[in-house]
Amino acid sequence: MADRKLDTKIWLRNPRDSNYPAAADYLDLLLPKNRVQKIVSELKKEKTVLKKAKDILRASQLPLLPADNVHVKENIEKVRSGKKLSPVLLVRNERLIVADGYHRVCSIYYLSEDFDIPCRITDIR
């Protein structure tokens, strides 16, 4: 995270425990269960790094959800009211997989596409 620092007004330092099962549920749709378990285990061990909202969306090739999406709107309201968001969980593959936190990425993009988002990233092995 070199010169960039985690914005502790917006972000928790570490993902919530509930984010890992959510990531596993999503990854289970894409990969065999034994690989999912290994990936989630690796995500738990990774250090948190900062990446820009715009770069996460570009690398994942996911569309920006509309600002009026219920979950996007809810996360924007959380940030504005001072509640902290959980870092996102990412998996490198041919394209970046947002295993958990897609709505959070879109929410932050609406606040500023250049905002840093804390992430845990691992590779598909």
C-alpha atoms as a PDB file:
ATOM      1  CA  MET A   1       0.000   0.000   0.000  1.00  0.00           C
ATOM      2  CA  ALA A   2       3.119   2.182  -0.406  1.00  0.00           C
ATOM      3  CA  ASP A   3       2.084   5.858  -0.345  1.00  0.00           C
ATOM      4  CA  ARG A   4      -1.611   5.073  -0.399  1.00  0.00           C
ATOM      5  CA  LYS A   5      -3.364   4.652   2.914  1.00  0.00           C
ATOM      6  CA  LEU A   6      -6.554   2.910   3.844  1.00  0.00           C
ATOM      7  CA  ASP A   7      -9.389   5.386   4.368  1.00  0.00           C
ATOM      8  CA  THR A   8     -10.525   4.201   7.783  1.00  0.00           C
ATOM      9  CA  LYS A   9     -13.562   6.510   7.657  1.00  0.00           C
ATOM     10  CA  ILE A  10     -14.990   4.356   4.871  1.00  0.00           C
ATOM     11  CA  TRP A  11     -13.353   0.940   5.229  1.00  0.00           C
ATOM     12  CA  LEU A  12     -12.810  -1.746   7.808  1.00  0.00           C
ATOM     13  CA  ARG A  13      -9.222  -2.983   7.955  1.00  0.00           C
ATOM     14  CA  ASN A  14     -10.210  -6.606   7.288  1.00  0.00           C
ATOM     15  CA  PRO A  15     -13.108  -8.357   5.604  1.00  0.00           C
ATOM     16  CA  ARG A  16     -15.951  -9.439   7.848  1.00  0.00           C
ATOM     17  CA  ASP A  17     -16.054 -13.163   8.610  1.00  0.00           C
ATOM     18  CA  SER A  18     -19.355 -13.364   6.700  1.00  0.00           C
ATOM     19  CA  ASN A  19     -17.675 -12.219   3.472  1.00  0.00           C
ATOM     20  CA  TYR A  20     -15.764 -15.474   3.047  1.00  0.00           C
ATOM     21  CA  PRO A  21     -18.813 -17.794   2.916  1.00  0.00           C
ATOM     22  CA  ALA A  22     -20.452 -15.304   0.532  1.00  0.00           C
ATOM     23  CA  ALA A  23     -17.387 -15.490  -1.720  1.00  0.00           C
ATOM     24  CA  ALA A  24     -17.422 -19.291  -1.510  1.00  0.00           C
ATOM     25  CA  ASP A  25     -21.101 -19.401  -2.510  1.00  0.00           C
ATOM     26  CA  TYR A  26     -20.368 -17.341  -5.598  1.00  0.00           C
ATOM     27  CA  LEU A  27     -17.176 -19.184  -6.527  1.00  0.00           C
ATOM     28  CA  ASP A  28     -19.001 -22.499  -6.088  1.00  0.00           C
ATOM     29  CA  LEU A  29     -20.977 -21.577  -9.214  1.00  0.00           C
ATOM     30  CA  LEU A  30     -17.760 -21.260 -11.212  1.00  0.00           C
ATOM     31  CA  LEU A  31     -15.331 -23.798  -9.817  1.00  0.00           C
ATOM     32  CA  PRO A  32     -15.137 -27.241  -8.198  1.00  0.00           C
ATOM     33  CA  LYS A  33     -15.664 -27.253  -4.429  1.00  0.00           C
ATOM     34  CA  ASN A  34     -12.092 -28.314  -3.585  1.00  0.00           C
ATOM     35  CA  ARG A  35     -10.696 -25.359  -5.537  1.00  0.00           C
ATOM     36  CA  VAL A  36     -13.178 -22.997  -3.904  1.00  0.00           C
ATOM     37  CA  GLN A  37     -12.073 -24.069  -0.430  1.00  0.00           C
ATOM     38  CA  LYS A  38      -8.409 -23.529  -1.352  1.00  0.00           C
ATOM     39  CA  ILE A  39      -9.094 -20.082  -2.836  1.00  0.00           C
ATOM     40  CA  VAL A  40     -11.096 -18.926   0.188  1.00  0.00           C
ATOM     41  CA  SER A  41      -8.350 -20.198   2.479  1.00  0.00           C
ATOM     42  CA  GLU A  42      -5.780 -18.216   0.463  1.00  0.00           C
ATOM     43  CA  LEU A  43      -7.925 -15.058   0.558  1.00  0.00           C
ATOM     44  CA  LYS A  44      -7.967 -15.241   4.351  1.00  0.00           C
ATOM     45  CA  LYS A  45      -4.141 -15.271   4.404  1.00  0.00           C
ATOM     46  CA  GLU A  46      -3.547 -12.493   1.857  1.00  0.00           C
ATOM     47  CA  LYS A  47      -2.579  -9.006   2.902  1.00  0.00           C
ATOM     48  CA  THR A  48      -4.992  -6.237   2.106  1.00  0.00           C
ATOM     49  CA  VAL A  49      -3.983  -4.060  -0.854  1.00  0.00           C
ATOM     50  CA  LEU A  50      -5.539  -0.933  -2.329  1.00  0.00           C
ATOM     51  CA  LYS A  51      -6.932  -0.795  -5.861  1.00  0.00           C
ATOM     52  CA  LYS A  52      -8.982   1.865  -7.631  1.00  0.00           C
ATOM     53  CA  ALA A  53     -12.696   1.282  -8.189  1.00  0.00           C
ATOM     54  CA  LYS A  54     -12.353   1.986 -11.922  1.00  0.00           C
ATOM     55  CA  ASP A  55      -9.531  -0.555 -12.270  1.00  0.00           C
ATOM     56  CA  ILE A  56     -11.455  -3.309 -10.490  1.00  0.00           C
ATOM     57  CA  LEU A  57     -14.428  -2.808 -12.806  1.00  0.00           C
ATOM     58  CA  ARG A  58     -12.218  -2.735 -15.906  1.00  0.00           C
ATOM     59  CA  ALA A  59     -10.273  -5.870 -14.933  1.00  0.00           C
ATOM     60  CA  SER A  60     -13.423  -7.782 -14.019  1.00  0.00           C
ATOM     61  CA  GLN A  61     -15.246  -6.649 -17.169  1.00  0.00           C
ATOM     62  CA  LEU A  62     -18.360  -6.236 -15.042  1.00  0.00           C
ATOM     63  CA  PRO A  63     -20.801  -3.433 -15.799  1.00  0.00           C
ATOM     64  CA  LEU A  64     -21.251  -0.588 -13.369  1.00  0.00           C
ATOM     65  CA  LEU A  65     -24.534  -1.279 -11.606  1.00  0.00           C
ATOM     66  CA  PRO A  66     -27.019   1.605 -11.624  1.00  0.00           C
ATOM     67  CA  ALA A  67     -26.858   4.046  -8.728  1.00  0.00           C
ATOM     68  CA  ASP A  68     -30.474   3.227  -7.878  1.00  0.00           C
ATOM     69  CA  ASN A  69     -29.722  -0.484  -7.394  1.00  0.00           C
ATOM     70  CA  VAL A  70     -30.956  -1.230  -3.883  1.00  0.00           C
ATOM     71  CA  HIS A  71     -27.617  -2.609  -2.650  1.00  0.00           C
ATOM     72  CA  VAL A  72     -25.519   0.097  -4.314  1.00  0.00           C
ATOM     73  CA  LYS A  73     -27.752   2.797  -2.853  1.00  0.00           C
ATOM     74  CA  GLU A  74     -27.630   1.137   0.571  1.00  0.00           C
ATOM     75  CA  ASN A  75     -23.804   1.100   0.538  1.00  0.00           C
ATOM     76  CA  ILE A  76     -23.596   4.736  -0.555  1.00  0.00           C
ATOM     77  CA  GLU A  77     -25.906   5.652   2.333  1.00  0.00           C
ATOM     78  CA  LYS A  78     -23.730   3.625   4.725  1.00  0.00           C
ATOM     79  CA  VAL A  79     -20.639   5.564   3.700  1.00  0.00           C
ATOM     80  CA  ARG A  80     -22.430   8.906   3.986  1.00  0.00           C
ATOM     81  CA  SER A  81     -23.694   8.017   7.460  1.00  0.00           C
ATOM     82  CA  GLY A  82     -20.244   6.962   8.656  1.00  0.00           C
ATOM     83  CA  LYS A  83     -20.705   3.185   8.626  1.00  0.00           C
ATOM     84  CA  LYS A  84     -17.689   1.260   7.382  1.00  0.00           C
ATOM     85  CA  LEU A  85     -17.651  -1.123   4.435  1.00  0.00           C
ATOM     86  CA  SER A  86     -15.819  -4.411   4.259  1.00  0.00           C
ATOM     87  CA  PRO A  87     -12.870  -4.878   1.864  1.00  0.00           C
ATOM     88  CA  VAL A  88     -13.647  -6.797  -1.315  1.00  0.00           C
ATOM     89  CA  LEU A  89     -12.461 -10.293  -2.194  1.00  0.00           C
ATOM     90  CA  LEU A  90     -10.943 -10.775  -5.645  1.00  0.00           C
ATOM     91  CA  VAL A  91      -9.612 -13.736  -7.595  1.00  0.00           C
ATOM     92  CA  ARG A  92      -7.266 -13.368 -10.560  1.00  0.00           C
ATOM     93  CA  ASN A  93      -8.143 -15.530 -13.524  1.00  0.00           C
ATOM     94  CA  GLU A  94      -8.378 -14.749 -17.242  1.00  0.00           C
ATOM     95  CA  ARG A  95     -10.524 -11.896 -16.005  1.00  0.00           C
ATOM     96  CA  LEU A  96     -10.732 -10.658 -12.452  1.00  0.00           C
ATOM     97  CA  ILE A  97     -13.470 -12.357 -10.416  1.00  0.00           C
ATOM     98  CA  VAL A  98     -15.182 -10.224  -7.791  1.00  0.00           C
ATOM     99  CA  ALA A  99     -15.910 -13.051  -5.384  1.00  0.00           C
ATOM    100  CA  ASP A 100     -17.450 -10.714  -2.816  1.00  0.00           C
ATOM    101  CA  GLY A 101     -18.039  -6.976  -2.908  1.00  0.00           C
ATOM    102  CA  TYR A 102     -19.387  -6.137  -6.389  1.00  0.00           C
ATOM    103  CA  HIS A 103     -22.030  -3.789  -4.964  1.00  0.00           C
ATOM    104  CA  ARG A 104     -19.417  -2.120  -2.755  1.00  0.00           C
ATOM    105  CA  VAL A 105     -17.142  -1.522  -5.751  1.00  0.00           C
ATOM    106  CA  CYS A 106     -20.000   0.074  -7.707  1.00  0.00           C
ATOM    107  CA  SER A 107     -21.019   2.199  -4.717  1.00  0.00           C
ATOM    108  CA  ILE A 108     -17.517   3.575  -4.267  1.00  0.00           C
ATOM    109  CA  TYR A 109     -17.237   4.226  -8.018  1.00  0.00           C
ATOM    110  CA  TYR A 110     -20.235   6.557  -7.735  1.00  0.00           C
ATOM    111  CA  LEU A 111     -18.557   8.440  -4.896  1.00  0.00           C
ATOM    112  CA  SER A 112     -15.328   8.658  -6.929  1.00  0.00           C
ATOM    113  CA  GLU A 113     -13.930   6.236  -9.492  1.00  0.00           C
ATOM    114  CA  ASP A 114     -10.477   7.088  -8.151  1.00  0.00           C
ATOM    115  CA  PHE A 115     -11.181   6.087  -4.552  1.00  0.00           C
ATOM    116  CA  ASP A 116      -8.997   3.283  -3.266  1.00  0.00           C
ATOM    117  CA  ILE A 117     -10.765   0.092  -2.311  1.00  0.00           C
ATOM    118  CA  PRO A 118      -9.098  -2.344   0.088  1.00  0.00           C
ATOM    119  CA  CYS A 119      -8.940  -5.816  -1.443  1.00  0.00           C
ATOM    120  CA  ARG A 120      -7.756  -9.292  -0.712  1.00  0.00           C
ATOM    121  CA  ILE A 121      -6.537 -10.842  -3.975  1.00  0.00           C
ATOM    122  CA  THR A 122      -5.441 -14.360  -4.803  1.00  0.00           C
ATOM    123  CA  ASP A 123      -4.955 -16.390  -7.962  1.00  0.00           C
ATOM    124  CA  ILE A 124      -6.831 -19.399  -9.243  1.00  0.00           C
ATOM    125  CA  ARG A 125      -4.388 -22.267  -8.808  1.00  0.00           C
END
